[in-house]
C-alpha atoms as a PDB file:
ATOM      1  CA  MET A   1      11.778 170.749 160.041  1.00  0.00           C
ATOM      2  CA  SER A   2      11.922 166.647 159.350  1.00  0.00           C
ATOM      3  CA  ASN A   3      13.693 164.142 161.514  1.00  0.00           C
ATOM      4  CA  GLN A   4      13.906 162.058 158.690  1.00  0.00           C
ATOM      5  CA  ASN A   5      17.650 163.016 156.807  1.00  0.00           C
ATOM      6  CA  LEU A   6      17.713 162.097 153.057  1.00  0.00           C
ATOM      7  CA  PHE A   7      21.412 162.150 151.892  1.00  0.00           C
ATOM      8  CA  ILE A   8      21.771 161.758 147.791  1.00  0.00           C
ATOM      9  CA  TYR A   9      24.988 159.965 147.686  1.00  0.00           C
ATOM     10  CA  GLU A  10      26.705 160.385 143.530  1.00  0.00           C
ATOM     11  CA  PHE A  11      23.388 160.996 141.963  1.00  0.00           C
ATOM     12  CA  GLU A  12      22.867 164.697 140.989  1.00  0.00           C
ATOM     13  CA  GLU A  13      20.063 164.570 138.638  1.00  0.00           C
ATOM     14  CA  LEU A  14      18.009 162.966 141.856  1.00  0.00           C
ATOM     15  CA  TYR A  15      19.243 165.770 144.300  1.00  0.00           C
ATOM     16  CA  LYS A  16      17.761 168.374 141.925  1.00  0.00           C
ATOM     17  CA  ILE A  17      14.304 166.852 141.566  1.00  0.00           C
ATOM     18  CA  LEU A  18      13.894 165.912 144.983  1.00  0.00           C
ATOM     19  CA  SER A  19      15.229 169.667 146.028  1.00  0.00           C
ATOM     20  CA  GLU A  20      12.485 171.236 143.630  1.00  0.00           C
ATOM     21  CA  ILE A  21       9.833 169.391 145.563  1.00  0.00           C
ATOM     22  CA  LYS A  22      11.552 169.844 148.672  1.00  0.00           C
ATOM     23  CA  LYS A  23       8.601 171.553 150.707  1.00  0.00           C
ATOM     24  CA  ASP A  24       6.220 168.982 149.393  1.00  0.00           C
ATOM     25  CA  ILE A  25       8.847 165.911 151.188  1.00  0.00           C
ATOM     26  CA  ASN A  26       8.521 165.668 154.582  1.00  0.00           C
ATOM     27  CA  VAL A  27      12.800 164.680 155.045  1.00  0.00           C
ATOM     28  CA  ASP A  28      15.517 167.033 155.220  1.00  0.00           C
ATOM     29  CA  LEU A  29      17.679 166.558 151.662  1.00  0.00           C
ATOM     30  CA  ASP A  30      21.255 167.111 151.401  1.00  0.00           C
ATOM     31  CA  LYS A  31      24.260 165.569 149.532  1.00  0.00           C
ATOM     32  CA  ALA A  32      26.840 163.073 151.033  1.00  0.00           C
ATOM     33  CA  SER A  33      30.583 162.749 149.629  1.00  0.00           C
ATOM     34  CA  GLU A  34      32.112 160.114 150.206  1.00  0.00           C
ATOM     35  CA  ASN A  35      33.896 160.886 153.327  1.00  0.00           C
ATOM     36  CA  GLN A  36      30.309 161.630 155.034  1.00  0.00           C
ATOM     37  CA  LEU A  37      28.860 157.986 154.440  1.00  0.00           C
ATOM     38  CA  SER A  38      30.166 156.388 157.688  1.00  0.00           C
ATOM     39  CA  GLU A  39      29.297 158.752 159.956  1.00  0.00           C
ATOM     40  CA  ILE A  40      25.712 159.519 158.341  1.00  0.00           C
ATOM     41  CA  ASN A  41      25.230 155.489 158.281  1.00  0.00           C
ATOM     42  CA  GLN A  42      25.720 155.804 162.085  1.00  0.00           C
ATOM     43  CA  ARG A  43      22.762 157.793 162.227  1.00  0.00           C
ATOM     44  CA  SER A  44      19.414 156.381 163.469  1.00  0.00           C
ATOM     45  CA  ASN A  45      17.283 158.835 161.390  1.00  0.00           C
ATOM     46  CA  SER A  46      19.087 158.649 158.076  1.00  0.00           C
ATOM     47  CA  LEU A  47      18.820 157.203 154.744  1.00  0.00           C
ATOM     48  CA  ILE A  48      21.681 157.828 152.178  1.00  0.00           C
ATOM     49  CA  PHE A  49      20.347 157.184 148.062  1.00  0.00           C
ATOM     50  CA  THR A  50      22.383 156.549 145.716  1.00  0.00           C
ATOM     51  CA  ARG A  51      22.177 154.115 142.321  1.00  0.00           C
ATOM     52  CA  LYS A  52      24.754 151.594 143.441  1.00  0.00           C
ATOM     53  CA  LYS A  53      25.360 149.546 146.370  1.00  0.00           C
ATOM     54  CA  ILE A  54      28.264 151.194 148.774  1.00  0.00           C
ATOM     55  CA  PRO A  55      30.207 148.990 150.427  1.00  0.00           C
ATOM     56  CA  ASP A  56      30.143 148.986 154.619  1.00  0.00           C
ATOM     57  CA  VAL A  57      26.937 151.323 154.722  1.00  0.00           C
ATOM     58  CA  ASP A  58      23.623 149.448 156.290  1.00  0.00           C
ATOM     59  CA  ASN A  59      21.206 153.205 155.412  1.00  0.00           C
ATOM     60  CA  GLN A  60      21.283 153.455 152.018  1.00  0.00           C
ATOM     61  CA  ILE A  61      18.874 153.295 149.428  1.00  0.00           C
ATOM     62  CA  ILE A  62      19.966 151.235 145.878  1.00  0.00           C
ATOM     63  CA  PHE A  63      17.725 152.969 143.172  1.00  0.00           C
ATOM     64  CA  ASP A  64      18.399 151.835 139.806  1.00  0.00           C
ATOM     65  CA  LYS A  65      15.203 151.452 137.587  1.00  0.00           C
ATOM     66  CA  PHE A  66      14.631 154.261 135.456  1.00  0.00           C
ATOM     67  CA  PRO A  67      12.730 155.995 134.869  1.00  0.00           C
ATOM     68  CA  VAL A  68      10.286 156.177 137.415  1.00  0.00           C
ATOM     69  CA  SER A  69       7.145 158.166 138.426  1.00  0.00           C
ATOM     70  CA  ILE A  70       7.920 160.781 141.275  1.00  0.00           C
ATOM     71  CA  PHE A  71       4.930 159.396 142.995  1.00  0.00           C
ATOM     72  CA  LYS A  72       6.743 155.928 143.154  1.00  0.00           C
ATOM     73  CA  LEU A  73       9.762 157.578 143.950  1.00  0.00           C
ATOM     74  CA  LEU A  74       8.590 159.467 146.664  1.00  0.00           C
ATOM     75  CA  GLU A  75       6.645 155.931 147.866  1.00  0.00           C
ATOM     76  CA  LYS A  76       9.885 154.167 148.185  1.00  0.00           C
ATOM     77  CA  ILE A  77      11.768 157.133 150.383  1.00  0.00           C
ATOM     78  CA  ASN A  78       8.771 156.599 152.428  1.00  0.00           C
ATOM     79  CA  ILE A  79       8.924 152.894 152.553  1.00  0.00           C
ATOM     80  CA  GLU A  80      12.747 152.738 153.616  1.00  0.00           C
ATOM     81  CA  PHE A  81      11.828 154.955 156.104  1.00  0.00           C
ATOM     82  CA  LEU A  82       8.984 153.586 157.958  1.00  0.00           C
ATOM     83  CA  LYS A  83      11.198 149.784 157.553  1.00  0.00           C
ATOM     84  CA  LYS A  84      14.213 151.620 158.987  1.00  0.00           C
ATOM     85  CA  ASN A  85      11.999 153.390 162.421  1.00  0.00           C
ATOM     86  CA  PHE A  86      10.033 149.824 162.525  1.00  0.00           C
ATOM     87  CA  SER A  87      13.339 148.200 162.966  1.00  0.00           C
ATOM     88  CA  GLU A  88      15.053 150.388 164.885  1.00  0.00           C
ATOM     89  CA  GLN A  89      12.109 150.721 167.263  1.00  0.00           C
ATOM     90  CA  SER A  90      11.661 146.660 167.952  1.00  0.00           C
ATOM     91  CA  GLU A  91      14.841 146.124 169.759  1.00  0.00           C
ATOM     92  CA  ILE A  92      15.543 147.947 172.996  1.00  0.00           C
ATOM     93  CA  GLU A  93      18.136 147.382 175.980  1.00  0.00           C
ATOM     94  CA  ILE A  94      17.097 148.118 179.578  1.00  0.00           C
ATOM     95  CA  GLY A  95      20.801 147.517 181.732  1.00  0.00           C
ATOM     96  CA  THR A  96      22.222 144.325 180.645  1.00  0.00           C
ATOM     97  CA  TYR A  97      19.360 142.587 178.581  1.00  0.00           C
ATOM     98  CA  LYS A  98      17.692 143.077 175.960  1.00  0.00           C
ATOM     99  CA  PHE A  99      14.064 142.745 174.529  1.00  0.00           C
ATOM    100  CA  ASN A 100      12.560 142.598 171.190  1.00  0.00           C
ATOM    101  CA  LEU A 101       9.391 143.703 171.217  1.00  0.00           C
ATOM    102  CA  ASN A 102       7.973 142.305 167.970  1.00  0.00           C
ATOM    103  CA  SER A 103       8.410 138.305 169.232  1.00  0.00           C
ATOM    104  CA  ARG A 104       8.320 139.984 172.489  1.00  0.00           C
ATOM    105  CA  GLU A 105      11.363 137.564 174.339  1.00  0.00           C
ATOM    106  CA  MET A 106      14.050 139.041 176.541  1.00  0.00           C
ATOM    107  CA  TYR A 107      17.644 137.960 176.560  1.00  0.00           C
ATOM    108  CA  LYS A 108      21.075 137.891 177.887  1.00  0.00           C
ATOM    109  CA  GLU A 109      23.817 136.412 176.182  1.00  0.00           C
ATOM    110  CA  LYS A 110      22.361 133.783 174.599  1.00  0.00           C
ATOM    111  CA  THR A 111      19.738 132.594 177.298  1.00  0.00           C
ATOM    112  CA  LYS A 112      15.803 133.993 176.295  1.00  0.00           C
ATOM    113  CA  ILE A 113      12.446 134.007 177.726  1.00  0.00           C
ATOM    114  CA  LYS A 114       9.110 134.742 175.686  1.00  0.00           C
ATOM    115  CA  LEU A 115       7.115 137.434 177.608  1.00  0.00           C
ATOM    116  CA  THR A 116       3.480 137.969 177.256  1.00  0.00           C
ATOM    117  CA  GLU A 117       2.383 141.042 176.001  1.00  0.00           C
ATOM    118  CA  LYS A 118       1.252 142.527 179.194  1.00  0.00           C
ATOM    119  CA  GLU A 119       5.054 141.305 180.641  1.00  0.00           C
ATOM    120  CA  ILE A 120       6.549 143.638 177.791  1.00  0.00           C
ATOM    121  CA  ASN A 121       4.044 146.382 178.020  1.00  0.00           C
ATOM    122  CA  SER A 122       4.963 146.238 181.694  1.00  0.00           C
ATOM    123  CA  ILE A 123       8.728 146.550 181.340  1.00  0.00           C
ATOM    124  CA  ILE A 124       8.298 149.373 179.285  1.00  0.00           C
ATOM    125  CA  TYR A 125       5.878 151.079 181.420  1.00  0.00           C
ATOM    126  CA  LEU A 126       8.163 151.000 183.909  1.00  0.00           C
ATOM    127  CA  ASN A 127      11.192 151.711 182.681  1.00  0.00           C
ATOM    128  CA  LYS A 128       9.453 154.519 180.807  1.00  0.00           C
ATOM    129  CA  ALA A 129       9.093 155.773 184.563  1.00  0.00           C
ATOM    130  CA  GLY A 130      12.381 155.917 185.794  1.00  0.00           C
ATOM    131  CA  GLU A 131      11.009 155.501 189.236  1.00  0.00           C
ATOM    132  CA  SER A 132       8.754 153.418 191.163  1.00  0.00           C
ATOM    133  CA  VAL A 133       5.115 152.828 189.337  1.00  0.00           C
ATOM    134  CA  LYS A 134       2.022 151.987 191.720  1.00  0.00           C
ATOM    135  CA  ILE A 135       0.217 149.620 191.531  1.00  0.00           C
ATOM    136  CA  GLN A 136      -2.670 151.872 190.209  1.00  0.00           C
ATOM    137  CA  GLU A 137      -0.694 153.377 187.562  1.00  0.00           C
ATOM    138  CA  LEU A 138       0.185 150.114 186.069  1.00  0.00           C
ATOM    139  CA  GLN A 139      -3.160 148.474 186.286  1.00  0.00           C
ATOM    140  CA  SER A 140      -4.859 151.919 184.467  1.00  0.00           C
ATOM    141  CA  LYS A 141      -1.869 152.258 182.053  1.00  0.00           C
ATOM    142  CA  VAL A 142      -1.083 148.914 181.157  1.00  0.00           C
ATOM    143  CA  TRP A 143      -3.936 146.733 181.645  1.00  0.00           C
ATOM    144  CA  GLY A 144      -6.748 149.899 181.325  1.00  0.00           C
ATOM    145  CA  TYR A 145      -8.735 149.448 184.597  1.00  0.00           C
ATOM    146  CA  GLN A 146      -9.885 152.841 185.542  1.00  0.00           C
ATOM    147  CA  SER A 147     -11.995 150.971 188.421  1.00  0.00           C
ATOM    148  CA  GLU A 148     -11.184 151.387 191.517  1.00  0.00           C
ATOM    149  CA  LEU A 149     -12.201 148.131 192.312  1.00  0.00           C
ATOM    150  CA  GLU A 150     -10.219 145.721 194.175  1.00  0.00           C
ATOM    151  CA  THR A 151      -8.092 143.074 192.157  1.00  0.00           C
ATOM    152  CA  HIS A 152      -4.611 141.862 192.255  1.00  0.00           C
ATOM    153  CA  THR A 153      -3.900 141.394 188.588  1.00  0.00           C
ATOM    154  CA  VAL A 154      -0.972 143.656 188.432  1.00  0.00           C
ATOM    155  CA  GLU A 155       0.621 142.170 191.467  1.00  0.00           C
ATOM    156  CA  THR A 156      -0.069 138.331 190.355  1.00  0.00           C
ATOM    157  CA  HIS A 157       1.320 139.398 186.929  1.00  0.00           C
ATOM    158  CA  ILE A 158       4.448 141.082 188.748  1.00  0.00           C
ATOM    159  CA  TYR A 159       4.671 138.050 190.583  1.00  0.00           C
ATOM    160  CA  ARG A 160       4.895 135.875 187.838  1.00  0.00           C
ATOM    161  CA  LEU A 161       7.315 137.497 185.473  1.00  0.00           C
ATOM    162  CA  ARG A 162      10.219 137.782 188.391  1.00  0.00           C
ATOM    163  CA  LYS A 163       9.704 134.402 189.279  1.00  0.00           C
ATOM    164  CA  LYS A 164      10.329 133.937 185.485  1.00  0.00           C
ATOM    165  CA  ILE A 165      13.026 136.356 185.202  1.00  0.00           C
ATOM    166  CA  LEU A 166      14.699 134.725 188.271  1.00  0.00           C
ATOM    167  CA  LYS A 167      14.540 130.802 186.958  1.00  0.00           C
ATOM    168  CA  ILE A 168      15.583 131.869 183.815  1.00  0.00           C
ATOM    169  CA  PHE A 169      18.551 134.327 184.129  1.00  0.00           C
ATOM    170  CA  ASN A 170      18.934 134.227 187.817  1.00  0.00           C
ATOM    171  CA  ASP A 171      18.007 137.962 188.587  1.00  0.00           C
ATOM    172  CA  GLU A 172      16.049 138.679 191.445  1.00  0.00           C
ATOM    173  CA  ASN A 173      16.533 142.487 191.700  1.00  0.00           C
ATOM    174  CA  PHE A 174      15.417 143.552 188.146  1.00  0.00           C
ATOM    175  CA  ILE A 175      12.161 144.165 188.897  1.00  0.00           C
ATOM    176  CA  ILE A 176      12.123 145.441 192.557  1.00  0.00           C
ATOM    177  CA  SER A 177       8.931 146.364 194.596  1.00  0.00           C
ATOM    178  CA  ASP A 178       9.153 149.389 197.340  1.00  0.00           C
ATOM    179  CA  LYS A 179       6.579 151.270 199.341  1.00  0.00           C
ATOM    180  CA  ASN A 180       5.880 153.327 196.219  1.00  0.00           C
ATOM    181  CA  GLY A 181       5.480 150.587 193.700  1.00  0.00           C
ATOM    182  CA  TYR A 182       7.535 148.115 191.406  1.00  0.00           C
ATOM    183  CA  LYS A 183      11.167 149.779 189.702  1.00  0.00           C
ATOM    184  CA  ILE A 184      13.440 148.803 187.448  1.00  0.00           C
ATOM    185  CA  ILE A 185      17.060 148.609 188.493  1.00  0.00           C
ATOM    186  CA  LYS A 186      19.315 148.658 185.201  1.00  0.00           C
ATOM    187  CA  GLU A 187      22.471 147.483 186.917  1.00  0.00           C
ATOM    188  CA  LYS A 188      25.357 146.591 184.420  1.00  0.00           C
END
């Protein structure tokens, strides 16, 4: 079963065609009624396929150019799901901060800072861990250092990142260090 849902709205012919090839496409297929549109629009893994624009619905594919080959149709569906997934994965929220992974920016309200790739990767890794992460683990997982050589790369980068966050956001507790390593504090 797929985790992508394609709903067909007021487009019976298309629903019949896609139903026939359902086993060959990588989406779950269903019809949508007018009173379901708002709920479907809120789902992160769903798109609504329609012939004409539906007001106040973001997650829709409007397809009004016919005839079209089935391959072009399936390509359009796949591209729309890829764009949706890319867009949703480009922005995350950690505590009171938001992060745009594409532009590598951290922001809160109208204040933002630019981050390096290693800084954003460190924050994401620490956030996913949910607990303190040892320096050696960050060194291996974020920097790719497998050696047991003595290096202070992680400490230096985290120090500079904490200093940058303190200067711009006046937050000295977003990334803390304890006896077990580094940890993100997600206070709201």
